[in-house]
Amino acid sequence: MTLLMHRIDPAKNAYRFYTLSLEPTLFGDVALVRRWGRIGTRGRQIIELHPDTPSAFRALQHHRSNRQRHGYRLI
C-alpha cells in the first residue's frame, strides 16, 4: 500500500511531496517507509519497523492525518 501526497503553494514557494508505504521485511515485520522532500528532488527517507500490519497501518494513518493538517493533499 502506498500513499502519495503533495503540497503545492506557489505564494510560499512550497512544492513538496510526502509518500507513505507499507512493505514486508525479511523477518516478518512490517516496515512503514516515509519519504518526503521538494518535488523534483530525491528527498529524504526514514523506515519505521512495526511487529504487525495493524500497528503499521495505525502509524500510517497517524502520519497521513498529520500531513493533511499541514496542507498536504492525497493524489
N, C-alpha and C. Protein backbone atom coordinates (compact mmCIF):
# COMPACT_ATOMS: atom_id res chain seq x y z
N MET A 1 0.85 -1.17 0.00
CA MET A 1 0.00 0.00 0.00
C MET A 1 0.89 1.23 0.00
N THR A 2 0.63 2.16 -0.90
CA THR A 2 1.42 3.39 -1.00
C THR A 2 0.49 4.58 -1.14
N LEU A 3 0.76 5.63 -0.36
CA LEU A 3 0.02 6.89 -0.45
C LEU A 3 0.98 7.97 -0.92
N LEU A 4 0.55 8.78 -1.88
CA LEU A 4 1.35 9.91 -2.36
C LEU A 4 0.58 11.18 -2.08
N MET A 5 1.25 12.14 -1.46
CA MET A 5 0.63 13.41 -1.10
C MET A 5 1.49 14.55 -1.63
N HIS A 6 0.83 15.65 -2.00
CA HIS A 6 1.53 16.85 -2.47
C HIS A 6 1.04 18.05 -1.67
N ARG A 7 1.93 19.00 -1.53
CA ARG A 7 1.55 20.32 -1.00
C ARG A 7 2.15 21.34 -1.95
N ILE A 8 1.30 22.01 -2.70
CA ILE A 8 1.77 22.99 -3.68
C ILE A 8 1.15 24.34 -3.33
N ASP A 9 2.03 25.30 -3.03
CA ASP A 9 1.60 26.66 -2.69
C ASP A 9 2.58 27.64 -3.32
N PRO A 10 2.29 28.09 -4.56
CA PRO A 10 3.22 28.99 -5.25
C PRO A 10 3.50 30.28 -4.48
N ALA A 11 2.54 30.78 -3.72
CA ALA A 11 2.74 32.01 -2.97
C ALA A 11 3.84 31.87 -1.92
N LYS A 12 4.01 30.65 -1.39
CA LYS A 12 5.04 30.37 -0.39
C LYS A 12 6.23 29.63 -0.99
N ASN A 13 6.24 29.45 -2.31
CA ASN A 13 7.29 28.69 -3.00
C ASN A 13 7.43 27.29 -2.39
N ALA A 14 6.28 26.68 -2.07
CA ALA A 14 6.27 25.36 -1.44
C ALA A 14 5.77 24.33 -2.46
N TYR A 15 6.65 23.46 -2.88
CA TYR A 15 6.33 22.38 -3.82
C TYR A 15 6.87 21.10 -3.18
N ARG A 16 6.06 20.46 -2.34
CA ARG A 16 6.52 19.35 -1.53
C ARG A 16 5.76 18.06 -1.85
N PHE A 17 6.44 16.93 -1.60
CA PHE A 17 5.79 15.63 -1.71
C PHE A 17 6.01 14.87 -0.41
N TYR A 18 5.13 13.92 -0.16
CA TYR A 18 5.23 13.06 1.02
C TYR A 18 4.65 11.71 0.62
N THR A 19 5.41 10.64 0.82
CA THR A 19 4.97 9.30 0.45
C THR A 19 5.01 8.39 1.67
N LEU A 20 3.96 7.62 1.85
CA LEU A 20 3.88 6.61 2.91
C LEU A 20 3.63 5.26 2.27
N SER A 21 4.42 4.26 2.64
CA SER A 21 4.17 2.92 2.09
C SER A 21 4.42 1.86 3.14
N LEU A 22 3.62 0.80 3.09
CA LEU A 22 3.79 -0.37 3.96
C LEU A 22 4.45 -1.46 3.14
N GLU A 23 5.54 -2.01 3.67
CA GLU A 23 6.29 -3.04 2.95
C GLU A 23 6.69 -4.15 3.91
N PRO A 24 6.61 -5.41 3.49
CA PRO A 24 7.05 -6.51 4.35
C PRO A 24 8.57 -6.54 4.45
N THR A 25 9.06 -7.05 5.59
CA THR A 25 10.50 -7.23 5.75
C THR A 25 10.83 -8.72 5.67
N LEU A 26 12.09 -9.03 5.61
CA LEU A 26 12.51 -10.43 5.53
C LEU A 26 12.29 -11.18 6.84
N PHE A 27 12.09 -10.46 7.94
CA PHE A 27 11.97 -11.08 9.25
C PHE A 27 10.54 -11.13 9.76
N GLY A 28 9.57 -10.87 8.89
CA GLY A 28 8.16 -10.97 9.25
C GLY A 28 7.55 -9.70 9.81
N ASP A 29 8.34 -8.66 9.99
CA ASP A 29 7.81 -7.38 10.45
C ASP A 29 7.21 -6.64 9.26
N VAL A 30 6.62 -5.49 9.56
CA VAL A 30 6.11 -4.62 8.50
C VAL A 30 6.82 -3.28 8.63
N ALA A 31 7.35 -2.79 7.52
CA ALA A 31 8.07 -1.52 7.52
C ALA A 31 7.16 -0.42 6.98
N LEU A 32 7.10 0.68 7.72
CA LEU A 32 6.44 1.88 7.23
C LEU A 32 7.55 2.77 6.70
N VAL A 33 7.55 2.98 5.38
CA VAL A 33 8.59 3.79 4.73
C VAL A 33 8.00 5.16 4.45
N ARG A 34 8.65 6.19 5.00
CA ARG A 34 8.21 7.57 4.78
C ARG A 34 9.27 8.29 3.95
N ARG A 35 8.82 8.92 2.87
CA ARG A 35 9.71 9.70 2.02
C ARG A 35 9.12 11.09 1.87
N TRP A 36 9.97 12.11 1.89
CA TRP A 36 9.49 13.48 1.75
C TRP A 36 10.57 14.37 1.19
N GLY A 37 10.14 15.50 0.64
CA GLY A 37 11.08 16.47 0.10
C GLY A 37 10.42 17.40 -0.89
N ARG A 38 11.24 18.16 -1.58
CA ARG A 38 10.76 19.08 -2.61
C ARG A 38 10.52 18.29 -3.89
N ILE A 39 9.44 18.59 -4.59
CA ILE A 39 9.12 17.91 -5.84
C ILE A 39 10.28 18.12 -6.81
N GLY A 40 10.73 17.03 -7.43
CA GLY A 40 11.84 17.09 -8.36
C GLY A 40 13.17 16.68 -7.75
N THR A 41 13.18 16.46 -6.42
CA THR A 41 14.41 16.01 -5.76
C THR A 41 14.21 14.59 -5.24
N ARG A 42 15.29 13.98 -4.81
CA ARG A 42 15.22 12.64 -4.25
C ARG A 42 14.59 12.66 -2.86
N GLY A 43 14.80 13.73 -2.12
CA GLY A 43 14.22 13.87 -0.79
C GLY A 43 14.91 13.02 0.25
N ARG A 44 14.22 12.81 1.34
CA ARG A 44 14.74 12.02 2.46
C ARG A 44 13.83 10.83 2.71
N GLN A 45 14.33 9.90 3.53
CA GLN A 45 13.57 8.69 3.79
C GLN A 45 13.86 8.20 5.20
N ILE A 46 12.83 7.67 5.86
CA ILE A 46 13.00 7.01 7.15
C ILE A 46 12.15 5.76 7.14
N ILE A 47 12.65 4.70 7.77
CA ILE A 47 11.94 3.42 7.82
C ILE A 47 11.62 3.12 9.28
N GLU A 48 10.33 2.90 9.56
CA GLU A 48 9.87 2.53 10.89
C GLU A 48 9.46 1.06 10.85
N LEU A 49 9.98 0.24 11.74
CA LEU A 49 9.60 -1.17 11.80
C LEU A 49 8.48 -1.37 12.81
N HIS A 50 7.49 -2.18 12.42
CA HIS A 50 6.35 -2.50 13.28
C HIS A 50 6.19 -4.02 13.33
N PRO A 51 5.76 -4.55 14.47
CA PRO A 51 5.66 -6.01 14.60
C PRO A 51 4.55 -6.64 13.76
N ASP A 52 3.50 -5.87 13.45
CA ASP A 52 2.39 -6.44 12.67
C ASP A 52 1.74 -5.37 11.80
N THR A 53 0.89 -5.82 10.90
CA THR A 53 0.25 -4.90 9.95
C THR A 53 -0.69 -3.90 10.62
N PRO A 54 -1.51 -4.31 11.60
CA PRO A 54 -2.41 -3.31 12.21
C PRO A 54 -1.67 -2.15 12.87
N SER A 55 -0.57 -2.42 13.56
CA SER A 55 0.17 -1.31 14.19
C SER A 55 0.83 -0.43 13.14
N ALA A 56 1.32 -1.02 12.06
CA ALA A 56 1.92 -0.23 10.98
C ALA A 56 0.85 0.62 10.29
N PHE A 57 -0.35 0.07 10.13
CA PHE A 57 -1.43 0.81 9.49
C PHE A 57 -1.88 1.98 10.36
N ARG A 58 -1.92 1.78 11.69
CA ARG A 58 -2.26 2.88 12.60
C ARG A 58 -1.23 4.00 12.50
N ALA A 59 0.05 3.64 12.43
CA ALA A 59 1.10 4.64 12.28
C ALA A 59 0.97 5.37 10.95
N LEU A 60 0.64 4.64 9.89
CA LEU A 60 0.43 5.26 8.58
C LEU A 60 -0.71 6.27 8.64
N GLN A 61 -1.81 5.90 9.29
CA GLN A 61 -2.95 6.81 9.41
C GLN A 61 -2.59 8.05 10.21
N HIS A 62 -1.79 7.86 11.26
CA HIS A 62 -1.35 8.99 12.09
C HIS A 62 -0.54 9.98 11.26
N HIS A 63 0.44 9.48 10.50
CA HIS A 63 1.28 10.35 9.69
C HIS A 63 0.48 11.01 8.57
N ARG A 64 -0.47 10.27 7.98
CA ARG A 64 -1.32 10.83 6.92
C ARG A 64 -2.14 12.00 7.46
N SER A 65 -2.80 11.81 8.59
CA SER A 65 -3.63 12.89 9.14
C SER A 65 -2.78 14.08 9.57
N ASN A 66 -1.58 13.82 10.08
CA ASN A 66 -0.69 14.91 10.46
C ASN A 66 -0.28 15.73 9.24
N ARG A 67 0.06 15.07 8.15
CA ARG A 67 0.45 15.79 6.93
C ARG A 67 -0.74 16.55 6.35
N GLN A 68 -1.93 15.98 6.43
CA GLN A 68 -3.11 16.66 5.90
C GLN A 68 -3.41 17.93 6.70
N ARG A 69 -3.13 17.91 8.00
CA ARG A 69 -3.29 19.12 8.80
C ARG A 69 -2.32 20.21 8.37
N HIS A 70 -1.19 19.80 7.78
CA HIS A 70 -0.19 20.76 7.32
C HIS A 70 -0.37 21.15 5.85
N GLY A 71 -1.51 20.80 5.26
CA GLY A 71 -1.83 21.27 3.92
C GLY A 71 -1.54 20.30 2.79
N TYR A 72 -1.12 19.07 3.09
CA TYR A 72 -0.85 18.08 2.05
C TYR A 72 -2.17 17.47 1.60
N ARG A 73 -2.26 17.14 0.31
CA ARG A 73 -3.46 16.53 -0.27
C ARG A 73 -3.09 15.22 -0.95
N LEU A 74 -3.96 14.21 -0.80
CA LEU A 74 -3.74 12.92 -1.46
C LEU A 74 -3.84 13.06 -2.96
N ILE A 75 -3.02 12.30 -3.67
CA ILE A 75 -3.05 12.30 -5.13
C ILE A 75 -3.57 10.95 -5.60
